C-alpha atoms as a PDB file:
ATOM      1  CA  MET A   1      -0.106  -0.296   0.238  1.00  0.00           C
ATOM      2  CA  THR A   2       1.231   3.725  -0.960  1.00  0.00           C
ATOM      3  CA  THR A   3       1.691   6.166   1.679  1.00  0.00           C
ATOM      4  CA  LEU A   4      -0.846   8.100   0.303  1.00  0.00           C
ATOM      5  CA  LYS A   5      -3.085   5.046   0.418  1.00  0.00           C
ATOM      6  CA  LYS A   6      -2.378   4.229   3.640  1.00  0.00           C
ATOM      7  CA  LYS A   7      -2.791   7.753   5.058  1.00  0.00           C
ATOM      8  CA  ILE A   8      -6.374   7.985   3.731  1.00  0.00           C
ATOM      9  CA  SER A   9      -7.076   4.747   4.709  1.00  0.00           C
ATOM     10  CA  GLU A  10      -6.050   5.864   8.121  1.00  0.00           C
ATOM     11  CA  ALA A  11      -8.074   8.894   8.225  1.00  0.00           C
ATOM     12  CA  THR A  12     -11.375   6.891   7.146  1.00  0.00           C
ATOM     13  CA  VAL A  13     -10.570   4.899   9.978  1.00  0.00           C
ATOM     14  CA  ARG A  14     -10.430   7.502  11.942  1.00  0.00           C
ATOM     15  CA  GLU A  15     -13.580   9.659  11.097  1.00  0.00           C
ATOM     16  CA  VAL A  16     -15.639   6.298  11.465  1.00  0.00           C
ATOM     17  CA  HIS A  17     -14.364   5.836  15.001  1.00  0.00           C
ATOM     18  CA  LEU A  18     -15.458   9.954  15.167  1.00  0.00           C
ATOM     19  CA  GLU A  19     -19.023   9.445  14.061  1.00  0.00           C
ATOM     20  CA  THR A  20     -19.503   6.495  16.140  1.00  0.00           C
ATOM     21  CA  HIS A  21     -18.139   8.237  19.367  1.00  0.00           C
ATOM     22  CA  MET A  22     -20.707  11.492  18.590  1.00  0.00           C
ATOM     23  CA  ALA A  23     -23.377   9.327  17.391  1.00  0.00           C
ATOM     24  CA  ALA A  24     -23.078   7.362  21.086  1.00  0.00           C
ATOM     25  CA  THR A  25     -22.738  10.864  22.749  1.00  0.00           C
ATOM     26  CA  VAL A  26     -26.018  12.485  20.924  1.00  0.00           C
ATOM     27  CA  LYS A  27     -28.008   9.252  22.046  1.00  0.00           C
ATOM     28  CA  GLU A  28     -26.522   9.542  25.649  1.00  0.00           C
ATOM     29  CA  LEU A  29     -26.955  13.184  25.731  1.00  0.00           C
ATOM     30  CA  THR A  30     -30.804  12.743  24.373  1.00  0.00           C
ATOM     31  CA  ASP A  31     -31.516   9.629  26.981  1.00  0.00           C
ATOM     32  CA  LEU A  32     -30.307  12.519  29.548  1.00  0.00           C
ATOM     33  CA  LEU A  33     -32.179  15.255  28.143  1.00  0.00           C
ATOM     34  CA  LEU A  34     -35.364  13.349  27.898  1.00  0.00           C
ATOM     35  CA  SER A  35     -34.737  12.294  31.330  1.00  0.00           C
ATOM     36  CA  LYS A  36     -34.377  15.458  32.769  1.00  0.00           C
ATOM     37  CA  HIS A  37     -37.779  16.347  31.214  1.00  0.00           C
ATOM     38  CA  ARG A  38     -39.800  14.080  32.648  1.00  0.00           C
ATOM     39  CA  ASP A  39     -38.576  15.664  36.230  1.00  0.00           C
ATOM     40  CA  TYR A  40     -38.527  18.935  35.269  1.00  0.00           C
ATOM     41  CA  GLY A  41     -41.245  19.341  32.867  1.00  0.00           C
ATOM     42  CA  PRO A  42     -41.011  22.011  30.212  1.00  0.00           C
ATOM     43  CA  LYS A  43     -42.349  24.649  32.369  1.00  0.00           C
ATOM     44  CA  ASN A  44     -39.167  25.856  33.847  1.00  0.00           C
ATOM     45  CA  ILE A  45     -37.539  26.484  31.118  1.00  0.00           C
ATOM     46  CA  SER A  46     -40.508  28.401  29.159  1.00  0.00           C
ATOM     47  CA  LEU A  47     -41.621  30.271  32.431  1.00  0.00           C
ATOM     48  CA  ALA A  48     -38.220  31.562  33.487  1.00  0.00           C
ATOM     49  CA  PRO A  49     -38.526  34.901  34.795  1.00  0.00           C
ATOM     50  CA  GLY A  50     -37.028  36.839  31.387  1.00  0.00           C
ATOM     51  CA  GLY A  51     -38.528  34.441  29.395  1.00  0.00           C
ATOM     52  CA  ALA A  52     -36.975  31.133  28.257  1.00  0.00           C
ATOM     53  CA  VAL A  53     -33.967  32.647  26.628  1.00  0.00           C
ATOM     54  CA  ASN A  54     -32.965  34.286  29.566  1.00  0.00           C
ATOM     55  CA  GLY A  55     -33.753  31.278  32.148  1.00  0.00           C
ATOM     56  CA  LEU A  56     -31.454  29.282  29.511  1.00  0.00           C
ATOM     57  CA  ARG A  57     -28.408  32.313  29.376  1.00  0.00           C
ATOM     58  CA  VAL A  58     -28.710  32.117  33.238  1.00  0.00           C
ATOM     59  CA  ARG A  59     -28.497  28.366  33.797  1.00  0.00           C
ATOM     60  CA  MET A  60     -25.691  28.246  30.851  1.00  0.00           C
ATOM     61  CA  HIS A  61     -23.870  31.164  33.006  1.00  0.00           C
ATOM     62  CA  ASP A  62     -23.619  28.896  36.424  1.00  0.00           C
ATOM     63  CA  LYS A  63     -22.541  25.838  34.586  1.00  0.00           C
ATOM     64  CA  LEU A  64     -19.699  27.600  32.746  1.00  0.00           C
ATOM     65  CA  ALA A  65     -18.897  29.362  35.807  1.00  0.00           C
ATOM     66  CA  ARG A  66     -18.776  25.658  37.265  1.00  0.00           C
ATOM     67  CA  ILE A  67     -16.235  24.540  34.744  1.00  0.00           C
ATOM     68  CA  ASN A  68     -14.049  27.294  34.636  1.00  0.00           C
ATOM     69  CA  ASN A  69     -13.772  26.837  38.898  1.00  0.00           C
ATOM     70  CA  LEU A  70     -13.315  23.066  38.589  1.00  0.00           C
ATOM     71  CA  VAL A  71     -10.852  23.504  35.760  1.00  0.00           C
ATOM     72  CA  ASP A  72      -8.893  26.406  36.774  1.00  0.00           C
ATOM     73  CA  SER A  73      -8.819  25.081  40.864  1.00  0.00           C
ATOM     74  CA  GLY A  74      -8.349  21.364  39.901  1.00  0.00           C
ATOM     75  CA  ALA A  75     -10.908  20.554  42.060  1.00  0.00           C
ATOM     76  CA  ASP A  76     -12.343  16.587  42.678  1.00  0.00           C
ATOM     77  CA  PRO A  77     -16.005  17.968  42.904  1.00  0.00           C
ATOM     78  CA  ARG A  78     -18.191  16.083  45.257  1.00  0.00           C
ATOM     79  CA  HIS A  79     -21.667  16.221  43.861  1.00  0.00           C
ATOM     80  CA  GLU A  80     -21.318  16.951  39.953  1.00  0.00           C
ATOM     81  CA  SER A  81     -18.223  16.005  37.425  1.00  0.00           C
ATOM     82  CA  LEU A  82     -16.869  18.457  34.715  1.00  0.00           C
ATOM     83  CA  GLU A  83     -18.105  15.764  32.199  1.00  0.00           C
ATOM     84  CA  ASP A  84     -22.008  16.466  33.731  1.00  0.00           C
ATOM     85  CA  SER A  85     -21.363  20.199  33.434  1.00  0.00           C
ATOM     86  CA  PHE A  86     -20.581  19.403  29.981  1.00  0.00           C
ATOM     87  CA  LYS A  87     -23.638  17.447  29.368  1.00  0.00           C
ATOM     88  CA  ASP A  88     -25.801  20.170  30.807  1.00  0.00           C
ATOM     89  CA  MET A  89     -24.532  22.779  28.616  1.00  0.00           C
ATOM     90  CA  ALA A  90     -24.977  20.411  25.574  1.00  0.00           C
ATOM     91  CA  ASN A  91     -28.444  19.920  26.333  1.00  0.00           C
ATOM     92  CA  TYR A  92     -29.193  23.655  27.396  1.00  0.00           C
ATOM     93  CA  ALA A  93     -28.082  24.480  23.937  1.00  0.00           C
ATOM     94  CA  ILE A  94     -30.365  21.928  22.279  1.00  0.00           C
ATOM     95  CA  ILE A  95     -32.979  23.283  24.540  1.00  0.00           C
ATOM     96  CA  GLY A  96     -32.408  26.888  23.144  1.00  0.00           C
ATOM     97  CA  LEU A  97     -32.284  25.543  19.660  1.00  0.00           C
ATOM     98  CA  LEU A  98     -35.715  24.156  20.436  1.00  0.00           C
ATOM     99  CA  VAL A  99     -37.022  27.542  21.974  1.00  0.00           C
ATOM    100  CA  LEU A 100     -35.600  29.667  19.140  1.00  0.00           C
ATOM    101  CA  ARG A 101     -37.280  27.327  16.466  1.00  0.00           C
ATOM    102  CA  GLU A 102     -40.857  27.039  19.072  1.00  0.00           C
ATOM    103  CA  GLN A 103     -40.239  23.954  19.359  1.00  0.00           C
ATOM    104  CA  TRP A 104     -40.326  23.896  22.886  1.00  0.00           C
ATOM    105  CA  ASP A 105     -43.155  24.324  25.277  1.00  0.00           C
ATOM    106  CA  ASN A 106     -43.799  28.043  25.613  1.00  0.00           C
ATOM    107  CA  THR A 107     -47.323  28.202  26.895  1.00  0.00           C
END
Protein backbone atom coordinates (compact mmCIF):
# COMPACT_ATOMS: atom_id res chain seq x y z
CA MET A 1 0.00 0.00 0.00
CA THR A 2 1.34 3.41 -0.91
CA THR A 3 1.90 6.02 1.75
CA LEU A 4 -0.94 8.16 0.36
CA LYS A 5 -3.39 5.24 0.35
CA LYS A 6 -2.34 4.33 3.87
CA LYS A 7 -2.90 7.91 5.08
CA ILE A 8 -6.32 8.01 3.41
CA SER A 9 -7.22 4.66 4.94
CA GLU A 10 -6.12 5.79 8.41
CA ALA A 11 -8.07 9.03 8.04
CA THR A 12 -11.19 7.08 7.04
CA VAL A 13 -10.86 4.81 10.07
CA ARG A 14 -10.44 7.84 12.37
CA GLU A 15 -13.51 9.47 10.82
CA VAL A 16 -15.60 6.32 11.30
CA HIS A 17 -14.49 6.12 14.92
CA LEU A 18 -15.33 9.80 15.43
CA GLU A 19 -18.78 9.32 13.91
CA THR A 20 -19.38 6.30 16.16
CA HIS A 21 -18.31 8.23 19.27
CA MET A 22 -20.38 11.25 18.27
CA ALA A 23 -23.50 9.13 17.69
CA ALA A 24 -23.08 7.43 21.07
CA THR A 25 -22.60 10.80 22.79
CA VAL A 26 -25.66 12.32 21.11
CA LYS A 27 -27.71 9.29 22.17
CA GLU A 28 -26.44 9.66 25.75
CA LEU A 29 -27.32 13.38 25.76
CA THR A 30 -30.76 12.68 24.30
CA ASP A 31 -31.51 10.05 26.95
CA LEU A 32 -30.34 12.40 29.71
CA LEU A 33 -32.37 15.34 28.40
CA LEU A 34 -35.53 13.26 28.08
CA SER A 35 -35.06 11.86 31.59
CA LYS A 36 -34.55 15.31 33.10
CA HIS A 37 -37.45 16.68 31.06
CA ARG A 38 -39.73 14.08 32.64
CA ASP A 39 -38.53 15.20 36.09
CA TYR A 40 -38.65 18.97 35.52
CA GLY A 41 -41.27 19.37 32.80
CA PRO A 42 -41.04 22.13 30.19
CA LYS A 43 -42.29 24.97 32.36
CA ASN A 44 -39.03 25.47 34.27
CA ILE A 45 -37.59 26.78 30.99
CA SER A 46 -40.59 28.31 29.27
CA LEU A 47 -41.78 30.21 32.36
CA ALA A 48 -38.33 31.34 33.53
CA PRO A 49 -38.17 34.98 34.72
CA GLY A 50 -37.33 37.08 31.68
CA GLY A 51 -38.37 34.31 29.30
CA ALA A 52 -36.99 30.99 28.17
CA VAL A 53 -33.85 32.35 26.48
CA ASN A 54 -32.98 34.41 29.53
CA GLY A 55 -33.51 31.40 31.78
CA LEU A 56 -31.18 29.36 29.57
CA ARG A 57 -28.58 32.13 29.60
CA VAL A 58 -28.57 32.13 33.40
CA ARG A 59 -28.29 28.34 33.60
CA MET A 60 -25.53 28.25 30.99
CA HIS A 61 -23.66 31.06 32.72
CA ASP A 62 -23.80 29.13 36.00
CA LYS A 63 -22.57 25.94 34.32
CA LEU A 64 -19.73 27.77 32.61
CA ALA A 65 -18.72 29.35 35.92
CA ARG A 66 -18.71 25.86 37.46
CA ILE A 67 -16.62 24.46 34.59
CA ASN A 68 -14.16 27.35 34.89
CA ASN A 69 -13.87 26.85 38.65
CA LEU A 70 -13.30 23.10 38.34
CA VAL A 71 -10.70 23.50 35.59
CA ASP A 72 -8.90 26.46 37.16
CA SER A 73 -8.81 25.01 40.66
CA GLY A 74 -8.19 21.41 39.69
CA ALA A 75 -10.80 20.51 42.31
CA ASP A 76 -12.36 17.08 42.52
CA PRO A 77 -16.08 17.86 42.73
CA ARG A 78 -18.19 16.09 45.31
CA HIS A 79 -21.54 16.32 43.51
CA GLU A 80 -21.29 17.00 39.81
CA SER A 81 -18.38 16.06 37.58
CA LEU A 82 -16.87 18.17 34.85
CA GLU A 83 -18.41 15.74 32.37
CA ASP A 84 -21.83 16.26 33.95
CA SER A 85 -21.45 20.02 33.56
CA PHE A 86 -20.55 19.69 29.87
CA LYS A 87 -23.53 17.38 29.30
CA ASP A 88 -25.82 19.97 30.89
CA MET A 89 -24.34 22.75 28.74
CA ALA A 90 -24.88 20.67 25.59
CA ASN A 91 -28.47 19.96 26.54
CA TYR A 92 -29.14 23.61 27.39
CA ALA A 93 -27.90 24.46 23.89
CA ILE A 94 -30.29 21.91 22.40
CA ILE A 95 -33.17 23.32 24.43
CA GLY A 96 -32.14 26.80 23.23
CA LEU A 97 -32.40 25.69 19.61
CA LEU A 98 -35.81 24.17 20.28
CA VAL A 99 -36.96 27.40 21.97
CA LEU A 100 -35.74 29.52 19.04
CA ARG A 101 -37.47 27.18 16.58
CA GLU A 102 -40.67 27.35 18.68
CA GLN A 103 -40.48 23.59 19.23
CA TRP A 104 -40.25 23.80 23.03
CA ASP A 105 -43.33 24.27 25.17
CA ASN A 106 -43.93 28.01 25.28
CA THR A 107 -47.29 28.23 27.03
